[in-house]
ModelCIF file with pLDDT and N, C-alpha, C, O atoms, coordinates in Angstrom:
data_MODEL
#
_entry.id   MODEL 
#
_entity.id                         1 
_entity.type                       polymer 
_entity.pdbx_number_of_molecules   1 
#
_entity_poly.entity_id                      1 
_entity_poly.type                           'polypeptide(L)' 
_entity_poly.nstd_linkage                   no 
_entity_poly.nstd_monomer                   no 
_entity_poly.pdbx_seq_one_letter_code       
;(UNK)(UNK)(UNK)(UNK)(UNK)(UNK)(UNK)(UNK)(UNK)(UNK)(UNK)(UNK)(UNK)(UNK)(UNK)(UNK)
(UNK)(UNK)(UNK)(UNK)(UNK)(UNK)(UNK)(UNK)(UNK)(UNK)(UNK)(UNK)(UNK)(UNK)(UNK)(UNK)
(UNK)(UNK)(UNK)(UNK)(UNK)(UNK)(UNK)(UNK)(UNK)(UNK)(UNK)(UNK)(UNK)(UNK)(UNK)
;
_entity_poly.pdbx_seq_one_letter_code_can   XXXXXXXXXXXXXXXXXXXXXXXXXXXXXXXXXXXXXXXXXXXXXXX 
_entity_poly.pdbx_strand_id                 A 
#
loop_
_entity_poly_seq.entity_id 
_entity_poly_seq.num 
_entity_poly_seq.mon_id 
_entity_poly_seq.hetero 
1 1  UNK n 
1 2  UNK n 
1 3  UNK n 
1 4  UNK n 
1 5  UNK n 
1 6  UNK n 
1 7  UNK n 
1 8  UNK n 
1 9  UNK n 
1 10 UNK n 
1 11 UNK n 
1 12 UNK n 
1 13 UNK n 
1 14 UNK n 
1 15 UNK n 
1 16 UNK n 
1 17 UNK n 
1 18 UNK n 
1 19 UNK n 
1 20 UNK n 
1 21 UNK n 
1 22 UNK n 
1 23 UNK n 
1 24 UNK n 
1 25 UNK n 
1 26 UNK n 
1 27 UNK n 
1 28 UNK n 
1 29 UNK n 
1 30 UNK n 
1 31 UNK n 
1 32 UNK n 
1 33 UNK n 
1 34 UNK n 
1 35 UNK n 
1 36 UNK n 
1 37 UNK n 
1 38 UNK n 
1 39 UNK n 
1 40 UNK n 
1 41 UNK n 
1 42 UNK n 
1 43 UNK n 
1 44 UNK n 
1 45 UNK n 
1 46 UNK n 
1 47 UNK n 
#
_struct_asym.id          A 
_struct_asym.entity_id   1 
#
loop_
_ma_qa_metric.id 
_ma_qa_metric.mode 
_ma_qa_metric.name 
_ma_qa_metric.software_group_id 
_ma_qa_metric.type 
1 global pLDDT . pLDDT 
2 local  pLDDT . pLDDT 
#
_ma_qa_metric_global.metric_id      1 
_ma_qa_metric_global.metric_value   76.72 
_ma_qa_metric_global.model_id       1 
_ma_qa_metric_global.ordinal_id     1 
#
loop_
_ma_qa_metric_local.label_asym_id 
_ma_qa_metric_local.label_comp_id 
_ma_qa_metric_local.label_seq_id 
_ma_qa_metric_local.metric_id 
_ma_qa_metric_local.metric_value 
_ma_qa_metric_local.model_id 
_ma_qa_metric_local.ordinal_id 
A UNK 1  2 70.00 1 1  
A UNK 2  2 63.00 1 2  
A UNK 3  2 66.00 1 3  
A UNK 4  2 67.00 1 4  
A UNK 5  2 69.00 1 5  
A UNK 6  2 67.00 1 6  
A UNK 7  2 64.00 1 7  
A UNK 8  2 70.00 1 8  
A UNK 9  2 67.00 1 9  
A UNK 10 2 64.00 1 10 
A UNK 11 2 64.00 1 11 
A UNK 12 2 67.00 1 12 
A UNK 13 2 64.00 1 13 
A UNK 14 2 65.00 1 14 
A UNK 15 2 67.00 1 15 
A UNK 16 2 63.00 1 16 
A UNK 17 2 62.00 1 17 
A UNK 18 2 60.00 1 18 
A UNK 19 2 58.00 1 19 
A UNK 20 2 58.00 1 20 
A UNK 21 2 65.00 1 21 
A UNK 22 2 67.00 1 22 
A UNK 23 2 74.00 1 23 
A UNK 24 2 72.00 1 24 
A UNK 25 2 72.00 1 25 
A UNK 26 2 77.00 1 26 
A UNK 27 2 79.00 1 27 
A UNK 28 2 87.00 1 28 
A UNK 29 2 93.00 1 29 
A UNK 30 2 94.00 1 30 
A UNK 31 2 97.00 1 31 
A UNK 32 2 97.00 1 32 
A UNK 33 2 97.00 1 33 
A UNK 34 2 97.00 1 34 
A UNK 35 2 96.00 1 35 
A UNK 36 2 96.00 1 36 
A UNK 37 2 96.00 1 37 
A UNK 38 2 95.00 1 38 
A UNK 39 2 95.00 1 39 
A UNK 40 2 93.00 1 40 
A UNK 41 2 93.00 1 41 
A UNK 42 2 91.00 1 42 
A UNK 43 2 87.00 1 43 
A UNK 44 2 80.00 1 44 
A UNK 45 2 77.00 1 45 
A UNK 46 2 71.00 1 46 
A UNK 47 2 73.00 1 47 
#
loop_
_atom_site.group_PDB 
_atom_site.id 
_atom_site.type_symbol 
_atom_site.label_atom_id 
_atom_site.label_alt_id 
_atom_site.label_comp_id 
_atom_site.label_asym_id 
_atom_site.label_entity_id 
_atom_site.label_seq_id 
_atom_site.pdbx_PDB_ins_code 
_atom_site.Cartn_x 
_atom_site.Cartn_y 
_atom_site.Cartn_z 
_atom_site.occupancy 
_atom_site.B_iso_or_equiv 
_atom_site.pdbx_formal_charge 
_atom_site.auth_seq_id 
_atom_site.auth_comp_id 
_atom_site.auth_asym_id 
_atom_site.auth_atom_id 
_atom_site.pdbx_PDB_model_num 
ATOM 1   N N  . UNK A 1 1  ? 11.544  6.432  9.707  1.00 70.00 ? 1  UNK A N  1 
ATOM 2   C CA . UNK A 1 1  ? 11.528  6.779  8.279  1.00 70.00 ? 1  UNK A CA 1 
ATOM 3   C C  . UNK A 1 1  ? 10.886  5.676  7.475  1.00 70.00 ? 1  UNK A C  1 
ATOM 4   O O  . UNK A 1 1  ? 10.274  5.938  6.439  1.00 70.00 ? 1  UNK A O  1 
ATOM 5   N N  . UNK A 1 2  ? 11.014  4.457  7.930  1.00 63.00 ? 2  UNK A N  1 
ATOM 6   C CA . UNK A 1 2  ? 10.175  3.416  7.142  1.00 63.00 ? 2  UNK A CA 1 
ATOM 7   C C  . UNK A 1 2  ? 8.747   3.562  7.335  1.00 63.00 ? 2  UNK A C  1 
ATOM 8   O O  . UNK A 1 2  ? 8.048   3.334  6.348  1.00 63.00 ? 2  UNK A O  1 
ATOM 9   N N  . UNK A 1 3  ? 8.162   3.909  8.451  1.00 66.00 ? 3  UNK A N  1 
ATOM 10  C CA . UNK A 1 3  ? 6.800   4.046  8.641  1.00 66.00 ? 3  UNK A CA 1 
ATOM 11  C C  . UNK A 1 3  ? 6.195   5.242  7.766  1.00 66.00 ? 3  UNK A C  1 
ATOM 12  O O  . UNK A 1 3  ? 5.122   5.188  7.166  1.00 66.00 ? 3  UNK A O  1 
ATOM 13  N N  . UNK A 1 4  ? 7.089   6.353  7.799  1.00 67.00 ? 4  UNK A N  1 
ATOM 14  C CA . UNK A 1 4  ? 6.554   7.549  7.064  1.00 67.00 ? 4  UNK A CA 1 
ATOM 15  C C  . UNK A 1 4  ? 6.703   7.192  5.481  1.00 67.00 ? 4  UNK A C  1 
ATOM 16  O O  . UNK A 1 4  ? 5.828   7.537  4.686  1.00 67.00 ? 4  UNK A O  1 
ATOM 17  N N  . UNK A 1 5  ? 7.638   6.620  5.156  1.00 69.00 ? 5  UNK A N  1 
ATOM 18  C CA . UNK A 1 5  ? 7.807   6.068  3.726  1.00 69.00 ? 5  UNK A CA 1 
ATOM 19  C C  . UNK A 1 5  ? 6.638   5.214  3.264  1.00 69.00 ? 5  UNK A C  1 
ATOM 20  O O  . UNK A 1 5  ? 5.959   5.485  2.273  1.00 69.00 ? 5  UNK A O  1 
ATOM 21  N N  . UNK A 1 6  ? 6.445   4.122  4.086  1.00 67.00 ? 6  UNK A N  1 
ATOM 22  C CA . UNK A 1 6  ? 5.357   3.245  3.782  1.00 67.00 ? 6  UNK A CA 1 
ATOM 23  C C  . UNK A 1 6  ? 4.023   3.892  3.801  1.00 67.00 ? 6  UNK A C  1 
ATOM 24  O O  . UNK A 1 6  ? 3.159   3.496  3.019  1.00 67.00 ? 6  UNK A O  1 
ATOM 25  N N  . UNK A 1 7  ? 3.780   4.887  4.660  1.00 64.00 ? 7  UNK A N  1 
ATOM 26  C CA . UNK A 1 7  ? 2.520   5.697  4.615  1.00 64.00 ? 7  UNK A CA 1 
ATOM 27  C C  . UNK A 1 7  ? 2.305   6.441  3.351  1.00 64.00 ? 7  UNK A C  1 
ATOM 28  O O  . UNK A 1 7  ? 1.236   6.385  2.745  1.00 64.00 ? 7  UNK A O  1 
ATOM 29  N N  . UNK A 1 8  ? 3.365   7.168  2.938  1.00 70.00 ? 8  UNK A N  1 
ATOM 30  C CA . UNK A 1 8  ? 3.261   7.854  1.620  1.00 70.00 ? 8  UNK A CA 1 
ATOM 31  C C  . UNK A 1 8  ? 2.959   6.945  0.509  1.00 70.00 ? 8  UNK A C  1 
ATOM 32  O O  . UNK A 1 8  ? 2.047   7.258  -0.256 1.00 70.00 ? 8  UNK A O  1 
ATOM 33  N N  . UNK A 1 9  ? 3.652   5.793  0.316  1.00 67.00 ? 9  UNK A N  1 
ATOM 34  C CA . UNK A 1 9  ? 3.352   4.773  -0.757 1.00 67.00 ? 9  UNK A CA 1 
ATOM 35  C C  . UNK A 1 9  ? 1.853   4.365  -0.551 1.00 67.00 ? 9  UNK A C  1 
ATOM 36  O O  . UNK A 1 9  ? 1.144   4.354  -1.557 1.00 67.00 ? 9  UNK A O  1 
ATOM 37  N N  . UNK A 1 10 ? 1.356   4.061  0.541  1.00 64.00 ? 10 UNK A N  1 
ATOM 38  C CA . UNK A 1 10 ? -0.027  3.566  0.707  1.00 64.00 ? 10 UNK A CA 1 
ATOM 39  C C  . UNK A 1 10 ? -1.039  4.588  0.217  1.00 64.00 ? 10 UNK A C  1 
ATOM 40  O O  . UNK A 1 10 ? -1.928  4.269  -0.573 1.00 64.00 ? 10 UNK A O  1 
ATOM 41  N N  . UNK A 1 11 ? -0.895  5.827  0.698  1.00 64.00 ? 11 UNK A N  1 
ATOM 42  C CA . UNK A 1 11 ? -1.822  6.781  0.232  1.00 64.00 ? 11 UNK A CA 1 
ATOM 43  C C  . UNK A 1 11 ? -1.720  7.084  -1.254 1.00 64.00 ? 11 UNK A C  1 
ATOM 44  O O  . UNK A 1 11 ? -2.751  7.216  -1.913 1.00 64.00 ? 11 UNK A O  1 
ATOM 45  N N  . UNK A 1 12 ? -0.488  7.202  -1.819 1.00 67.00 ? 12 UNK A N  1 
ATOM 46  C CA . UNK A 1 12 ? -0.323  7.231  -3.230 1.00 67.00 ? 12 UNK A CA 1 
ATOM 47  C C  . UNK A 1 12 ? -0.926  6.113  -3.942 1.00 67.00 ? 12 UNK A C  1 
ATOM 48  O O  . UNK A 1 12 ? -1.592  6.319  -4.957 1.00 67.00 ? 12 UNK A O  1 
ATOM 49  N N  . UNK A 1 13 ? -0.732  4.909  -3.465 1.00 64.00 ? 13 UNK A N  1 
ATOM 50  C CA . UNK A 1 13 ? -1.446  3.744  -4.121 1.00 64.00 ? 13 UNK A CA 1 
ATOM 51  C C  . UNK A 1 13 ? -2.986  3.781  -4.106 1.00 64.00 ? 13 UNK A C  1 
ATOM 52  O O  . UNK A 1 13 ? -3.649  3.335  -5.042 1.00 64.00 ? 13 UNK A O  1 
ATOM 53  N N  . UNK A 1 14 ? -3.494  4.299  -3.067 1.00 65.00 ? 14 UNK A N  1 
ATOM 54  C CA . UNK A 1 14 ? -4.923  4.324  -2.871 1.00 65.00 ? 14 UNK A CA 1 
ATOM 55  C C  . UNK A 1 14 ? -5.516  5.433  -3.860 1.00 65.00 ? 14 UNK A C  1 
ATOM 56  O O  . UNK A 1 14 ? -6.585  5.273  -4.449 1.00 65.00 ? 14 UNK A O  1 
ATOM 57  N N  . UNK A 1 15 ? -4.756  6.514  -3.976 1.00 67.00 ? 15 UNK A N  1 
ATOM 58  C CA . UNK A 1 15 ? -5.112  7.471  -5.008 1.00 67.00 ? 15 UNK A CA 1 
ATOM 59  C C  . UNK A 1 15 ? -5.123  6.941  -6.484 1.00 67.00 ? 15 UNK A C  1 
ATOM 60  O O  . UNK A 1 15 ? -6.038  7.163  -7.277 1.00 67.00 ? 15 UNK A O  1 
ATOM 61  N N  . UNK A 1 16 ? -4.038  6.242  -6.744 1.00 63.00 ? 16 UNK A N  1 
ATOM 62  C CA . UNK A 1 16 ? -3.952  5.756  -7.980 1.00 63.00 ? 16 UNK A CA 1 
ATOM 63  C C  . UNK A 1 16 ? -5.005  4.624  -8.372 1.00 63.00 ? 16 UNK A C  1 
ATOM 64  O O  . UNK A 1 16 ? -5.284  4.370  -9.544 1.00 63.00 ? 16 UNK A O  1 
ATOM 65  N N  . UNK A 1 17 ? -5.506  4.033  -7.384 1.00 62.00 ? 17 UNK A N  1 
ATOM 66  C CA . UNK A 1 17 ? -6.581  3.039  -7.539 1.00 62.00 ? 17 UNK A CA 1 
ATOM 67  C C  . UNK A 1 17 ? -8.061  3.670  -7.607 1.00 62.00 ? 17 UNK A C  1 
ATOM 68  O O  . UNK A 1 17 ? -9.066  3.027  -7.913 1.00 62.00 ? 17 UNK A O  1 
ATOM 69  N N  . UNK A 1 18 ? -8.031  4.919  -7.300 1.00 60.00 ? 18 UNK A N  1 
ATOM 70  C CA . UNK A 1 18 ? -9.311  5.568  -7.286 1.00 60.00 ? 18 UNK A CA 1 
ATOM 71  C C  . UNK A 1 18 ? -10.060 5.392  -5.937 1.00 60.00 ? 18 UNK A C  1 
ATOM 72  O O  . UNK A 1 18 ? -11.275 5.568  -5.855 1.00 60.00 ? 18 UNK A O  1 
ATOM 73  N N  . UNK A 1 19 ? -9.258  5.026  -4.848 1.00 58.00 ? 19 UNK A N  1 
ATOM 74  C CA . UNK A 1 19 ? -9.812  4.909  -3.496 1.00 58.00 ? 19 UNK A CA 1 
ATOM 75  C C  . UNK A 1 19 ? -9.491  6.100  -2.591 1.00 58.00 ? 19 UNK A C  1 
ATOM 76  O O  . UNK A 1 19 ? -9.658  6.048  -1.373 1.00 58.00 ? 19 UNK A O  1 
ATOM 77  N N  . UNK A 1 20 ? -9.019  7.184  -3.238 1.00 58.00 ? 20 UNK A N  1 
ATOM 78  C CA . UNK A 1 20 ? -8.677  8.234  -2.392 1.00 58.00 ? 20 UNK A CA 1 
ATOM 79  C C  . UNK A 1 20 ? -9.914  8.993  -1.742 1.00 58.00 ? 20 UNK A C  1 
ATOM 80  O O  . UNK A 1 20 ? -11.006 8.426  -1.751 1.00 58.00 ? 20 UNK A O  1 
ATOM 81  N N  . UNK A 1 21 ? -9.793  10.113 -1.243 1.00 65.00 ? 21 UNK A N  1 
ATOM 82  C CA . UNK A 1 21 ? -10.733 10.801 -0.685 1.00 65.00 ? 21 UNK A CA 1 
ATOM 83  C C  . UNK A 1 21 ? -10.346 11.414 0.629  1.00 65.00 ? 21 UNK A C  1 
ATOM 84  O O  . UNK A 1 21 ? -10.578 12.604 0.841  1.00 65.00 ? 21 UNK A O  1 
ATOM 85  N N  . UNK A 1 22 ? -9.733  10.604 1.567  1.00 67.00 ? 22 UNK A N  1 
ATOM 86  C CA . UNK A 1 22 ? -9.207  11.030 2.868  1.00 67.00 ? 22 UNK A CA 1 
ATOM 87  C C  . UNK A 1 22 ? -7.965  11.906 2.594  1.00 67.00 ? 22 UNK A C  1 
ATOM 88  O O  . UNK A 1 22 ? -7.254  11.656 1.621  1.00 67.00 ? 22 UNK A O  1 
ATOM 89  N N  . UNK A 1 23 ? -7.713  12.841 3.361  1.00 74.00 ? 23 UNK A N  1 
ATOM 90  C CA . UNK A 1 23 ? -6.424  13.635 3.244  1.00 74.00 ? 23 UNK A CA 1 
ATOM 91  C C  . UNK A 1 23 ? -5.247  12.695 3.553  1.00 74.00 ? 23 UNK A C  1 
ATOM 92  O O  . UNK A 1 23 ? -5.434  11.701 4.254  1.00 74.00 ? 23 UNK A O  1 
ATOM 93  N N  . UNK A 1 24 ? -4.118  12.970 3.077  1.00 72.00 ? 24 UNK A N  1 
ATOM 94  C CA . UNK A 1 24 ? -2.917  12.308 3.310  1.00 72.00 ? 24 UNK A CA 1 
ATOM 95  C C  . UNK A 1 24 ? -2.560  12.481 4.765  1.00 72.00 ? 24 UNK A C  1 
ATOM 96  O O  . UNK A 1 24 ? -2.786  13.533 5.363  1.00 72.00 ? 24 UNK A O  1 
ATOM 97  N N  . UNK A 1 25 ? -2.038  11.501 5.281  1.00 72.00 ? 25 UNK A N  1 
ATOM 98  C CA . UNK A 1 25 ? -1.611  11.551 6.837  1.00 72.00 ? 25 UNK A CA 1 
ATOM 99  C C  . UNK A 1 25 ? -2.913  11.515 7.770  1.00 72.00 ? 25 UNK A C  1 
ATOM 100 O O  . UNK A 1 25 ? -2.850  11.860 8.950  1.00 72.00 ? 25 UNK A O  1 
ATOM 101 N N  . UNK A 1 26 ? -3.985  11.116 7.225  1.00 77.00 ? 26 UNK A N  1 
ATOM 102 C CA . UNK A 1 26 ? -5.127  11.101 8.089  1.00 77.00 ? 26 UNK A CA 1 
ATOM 103 C C  . UNK A 1 26 ? -5.375  9.572  8.273  1.00 77.00 ? 26 UNK A C  1 
ATOM 104 O O  . UNK A 1 26 ? -5.739  8.840  7.353  1.00 77.00 ? 26 UNK A O  1 
ATOM 105 N N  . UNK A 1 27 ? -5.146  9.171  9.530  1.00 79.00 ? 27 UNK A N  1 
ATOM 106 C CA . UNK A 1 27 ? -5.329  7.782  9.916  1.00 79.00 ? 27 UNK A CA 1 
ATOM 107 C C  . UNK A 1 27 ? -6.798  7.470  10.362 1.00 79.00 ? 27 UNK A C  1 
ATOM 108 O O  . UNK A 1 27 ? -7.784  7.687  9.658  1.00 79.00 ? 27 UNK A O  1 
ATOM 109 N N  . UNK A 1 28 ? -6.817  6.927  11.633 1.00 87.00 ? 28 UNK A N  1 
ATOM 110 C CA . UNK A 1 28 ? -8.121  6.614  12.243 1.00 87.00 ? 28 UNK A CA 1 
ATOM 111 C C  . UNK A 1 28 ? -8.493  7.414  13.266 1.00 87.00 ? 28 UNK A C  1 
ATOM 112 O O  . UNK A 1 28 ? -9.313  6.992  14.081 1.00 87.00 ? 28 UNK A O  1 
ATOM 113 N N  . UNK A 1 29 ? -7.924  8.751  13.388 1.00 93.00 ? 29 UNK A N  1 
ATOM 114 C CA . UNK A 1 29 ? -8.264  9.682  14.349 1.00 93.00 ? 29 UNK A CA 1 
ATOM 115 C C  . UNK A 1 29 ? -9.197  10.673 13.718 1.00 93.00 ? 29 UNK A C  1 
ATOM 116 O O  . UNK A 1 29 ? -8.766  11.576 13.001 1.00 93.00 ? 29 UNK A O  1 
ATOM 117 N N  . UNK A 1 30 ? -10.484 10.511 13.981 1.00 94.00 ? 30 UNK A N  1 
ATOM 118 C CA . UNK A 1 30 ? -11.548 11.366 13.362 1.00 94.00 ? 30 UNK A CA 1 
ATOM 119 C C  . UNK A 1 30 ? -12.732 11.524 14.207 1.00 94.00 ? 30 UNK A C  1 
ATOM 120 O O  . UNK A 1 30 ? -12.877 10.800 15.193 1.00 94.00 ? 30 UNK A O  1 
ATOM 121 N N  . UNK A 1 31 ? -13.565 12.394 13.899 1.00 97.00 ? 31 UNK A N  1 
ATOM 122 C CA . UNK A 1 31 ? -14.816 12.669 14.652 1.00 97.00 ? 31 UNK A CA 1 
ATOM 123 C C  . UNK A 1 31 ? -15.853 12.543 13.569 1.00 97.00 ? 31 UNK A C  1 
ATOM 124 O O  . UNK A 1 31 ? -15.711 13.084 12.473 1.00 97.00 ? 31 UNK A O  1 
ATOM 125 N N  . UNK A 1 32 ? -16.875 11.834 13.892 1.00 97.00 ? 32 UNK A N  1 
ATOM 126 C CA . UNK A 1 32 ? -18.004 11.644 12.979 1.00 97.00 ? 32 UNK A CA 1 
ATOM 127 C C  . UNK A 1 32 ? -19.575 11.956 13.660 1.00 97.00 ? 32 UNK A C  1 
ATOM 128 O O  . UNK A 1 32 ? -19.875 11.675 14.820 1.00 97.00 ? 32 UNK A O  1 
ATOM 129 N N  . UNK A 1 33 ? -20.308 12.474 12.856 1.00 97.00 ? 33 UNK A N  1 
ATOM 130 C CA . UNK A 1 33 ? -21.670 12.750 13.245 1.00 97.00 ? 33 UNK A CA 1 
ATOM 131 C C  . UNK A 1 33 ? -22.437 11.352 13.503 1.00 97.00 ? 33 UNK A C  1 
ATOM 132 O O  . UNK A 1 33 ? -21.957 10.310 13.057 1.00 97.00 ? 33 UNK A O  1 
ATOM 133 N N  . UNK A 1 34 ? -23.545 11.358 14.178 1.00 97.00 ? 34 UNK A N  1 
ATOM 134 C CA . UNK A 1 34 ? -24.332 10.129 14.218 1.00 97.00 ? 34 UNK A CA 1 
ATOM 135 C C  . UNK A 1 34 ? -24.834 9.579  12.927 1.00 97.00 ? 34 UNK A C  1 
ATOM 136 O O  . UNK A 1 34 ? -24.939 8.363  12.767 1.00 97.00 ? 34 UNK A O  1 
ATOM 137 N N  . UNK A 1 35 ? -25.164 10.488 11.951 1.00 96.00 ? 35 UNK A N  1 
ATOM 138 C CA . UNK A 1 35 ? -25.627 10.134 10.687 1.00 96.00 ? 35 UNK A CA 1 
ATOM 139 C C  . UNK A 1 35 ? -24.512 9.331  9.909  1.00 96.00 ? 35 UNK A C  1 
ATOM 140 O O  . UNK A 1 35 ? -24.789 8.366  9.195  1.00 96.00 ? 35 UNK A O  1 
ATOM 141 N N  . UNK A 1 36 ? -23.256 9.795  10.098 1.00 96.00 ? 36 UNK A N  1 
ATOM 142 C CA . UNK A 1 36 ? -22.055 9.149  9.428  1.00 96.00 ? 36 UNK A CA 1 
ATOM 143 C C  . UNK A 1 36 ? -21.909 7.760  10.219 1.00 96.00 ? 36 UNK A C  1 
ATOM 144 O O  . UNK A 1 36 ? -21.694 6.728  9.583  1.00 96.00 ? 36 UNK A O  1 
ATOM 145 N N  . UNK A 1 37 ? -22.004 7.751  11.331 1.00 96.00 ? 37 UNK A N  1 
ATOM 146 C CA . UNK A 1 37 ? -21.774 6.373  12.103 1.00 96.00 ? 37 UNK A CA 1 
ATOM 147 C C  . UNK A 1 37 ? -22.799 5.345  11.694 1.00 96.00 ? 37 UNK A C  1 
ATOM 148 O O  . UNK A 1 37 ? -22.489 4.166  11.521 1.00 96.00 ? 37 UNK A O  1 
ATOM 149 N N  . UNK A 1 38 ? -24.039 5.812  11.539 1.00 95.00 ? 38 UNK A N  1 
ATOM 150 C CA . UNK A 1 38 ? -25.093 5.002  11.193 1.00 95.00 ? 38 UNK A CA 1 
ATOM 151 C C  . UNK A 1 38 ? -24.896 4.440  9.787  1.00 95.00 ? 38 UNK A C  1 
ATOM 152 O O  . UNK A 1 38 ? -25.109 3.267  9.480  1.00 95.00 ? 38 UNK A O  1 
ATOM 153 N N  . UNK A 1 39 ? -24.456 5.424  8.945  1.00 95.00 ? 39 UNK A N  1 
ATOM 154 C CA . UNK A 1 39 ? -24.198 4.980  7.459  1.00 95.00 ? 39 UNK A CA 1 
ATOM 155 C C  . UNK A 1 39 ? -23.123 3.900  7.430  1.00 95.00 ? 39 UNK A C  1 
ATOM 156 O O  . UNK A 1 39 ? -23.176 2.990  6.604  1.00 95.00 ? 39 UNK A O  1 
ATOM 157 N N  . UNK A 1 40 ? -22.051 4.011  8.421  1.00 93.00 ? 40 UNK A N  1 
ATOM 158 C CA . UNK A 1 40 ? -20.945 3.011  8.351  1.00 93.00 ? 40 UNK A CA 1 
ATOM 159 C C  . UNK A 1 40 ? -21.503 1.751  8.871  1.00 93.00 ? 40 UNK A C  1 
ATOM 160 O O  . UNK A 1 40 ? -21.214 0.684  8.329  1.00 93.00 ? 40 UNK A O  1 
ATOM 161 N N  . UNK A 1 41 ? -22.334 1.816  9.952  1.00 93.00 ? 41 UNK A N  1 
ATOM 162 C CA . UNK A 1 41 ? -22.810 0.631  10.544 1.00 93.00 ? 41 UNK A CA 1 
ATOM 163 C C  . UNK A 1 41 ? -23.702 -0.156 9.614  1.00 93.00 ? 41 UNK A C  1 
ATOM 164 O O  . UNK A 1 41 ? -23.807 -1.373 9.765  1.00 93.00 ? 41 UNK A O  1 
ATOM 165 N N  . UNK A 1 42 ? -24.363 0.498  8.638  1.00 91.00 ? 42 UNK A N  1 
ATOM 166 C CA . UNK A 1 42 ? -25.308 -0.113 7.777  1.00 91.00 ? 42 UNK A CA 1 
ATOM 167 C C  . UNK A 1 42 ? -24.578 -0.739 6.626  1.00 91.00 ? 42 UNK A C  1 
ATOM 168 O O  . UNK A 1 42 ? -25.195 -1.473 5.855  1.00 91.00 ? 42 UNK A O  1 
ATOM 169 N N  . UNK A 1 43 ? -23.233 -0.480 6.453  1.00 87.00 ? 43 UNK A N  1 
ATOM 170 C CA . UNK A 1 43 ? -22.662 -1.226 5.247  1.00 87.00 ? 43 UNK A CA 1 
ATOM 171 C C  . UNK A 1 43 ? -22.447 -2.802 5.455  1.00 87.00 ? 43 UNK A C  1 
ATOM 172 O O  . UNK A 1 43 ? -22.178 -3.298 6.550  1.00 87.00 ? 43 UNK A O  1 
ATOM 173 N N  . UNK A 1 44 ? -22.578 -3.423 4.435  1.00 80.00 ? 44 UNK A N  1 
ATOM 174 C CA . UNK A 1 44 ? -22.713 -4.936 4.629  1.00 80.00 ? 44 UNK A CA 1 
ATOM 175 C C  . UNK A 1 44 ? -21.228 -5.612 4.709  1.00 80.00 ? 44 UNK A C  1 
ATOM 176 O O  . UNK A 1 44 ? -21.080 -6.706 5.254  1.00 80.00 ? 44 UNK A O  1 
ATOM 177 N N  . UNK A 1 45 ? -20.170 -4.914 4.148  1.00 77.00 ? 45 UNK A N  1 
ATOM 178 C CA . UNK A 1 45 ? -18.971 -5.516 4.123  1.00 77.00 ? 45 UNK A CA 1 
ATOM 179 C C  . UNK A 1 45 ? -18.424 -5.732 5.601  1.00 77.00 ? 45 UNK A C  1 
ATOM 180 O O  . UNK A 1 45 ? -18.726 -5.028 6.565  1.00 77.00 ? 45 UNK A O  1 
ATOM 181 N N  . UNK A 1 46 ? -17.571 -6.824 5.612  1.00 71.00 ? 46 UNK A N  1 
ATOM 182 C CA . UNK A 1 46 ? -16.898 -7.263 6.867  1.00 71.00 ? 46 UNK A CA 1 
ATOM 183 C C  . UNK A 1 46 ? -15.625 -6.659 7.094  1.00 71.00 ? 46 UNK A C  1 
ATOM 184 O O  . UNK A 1 46 ? -15.418 -5.951 8.079  1.00 71.00 ? 46 UNK A O  1 
ATOM 185 N N  . UNK A 1 47 ? -14.678 -6.930 6.145  1.00 73.00 ? 47 UNK A N  1 
ATOM 186 C CA . UNK A 1 47 ? -13.283 -6.538 6.418  1.00 73.00 ? 47 UNK A CA 1 
ATOM 187 C C  . UNK A 1 47 ? -13.009 -5.042 5.886  1.00 73.00 ? 47 UNK A C  1 
ATOM 188 O O  . UNK A 1 47 ? -11.896 -4.532 6.022  1.00 73.00 ? 47 UNK A O  1 
#
């Protein structure tokens, strides 16, 4: 229950701050095209 509750709070907070875009309850399980991967790899940010 704690993990589900904190997940809801996390995604609600991200939407409130304008950092939404991903569906709720979508973690790091995803499939990406080569173009998407290259775009991610080209980003300069570290964390």
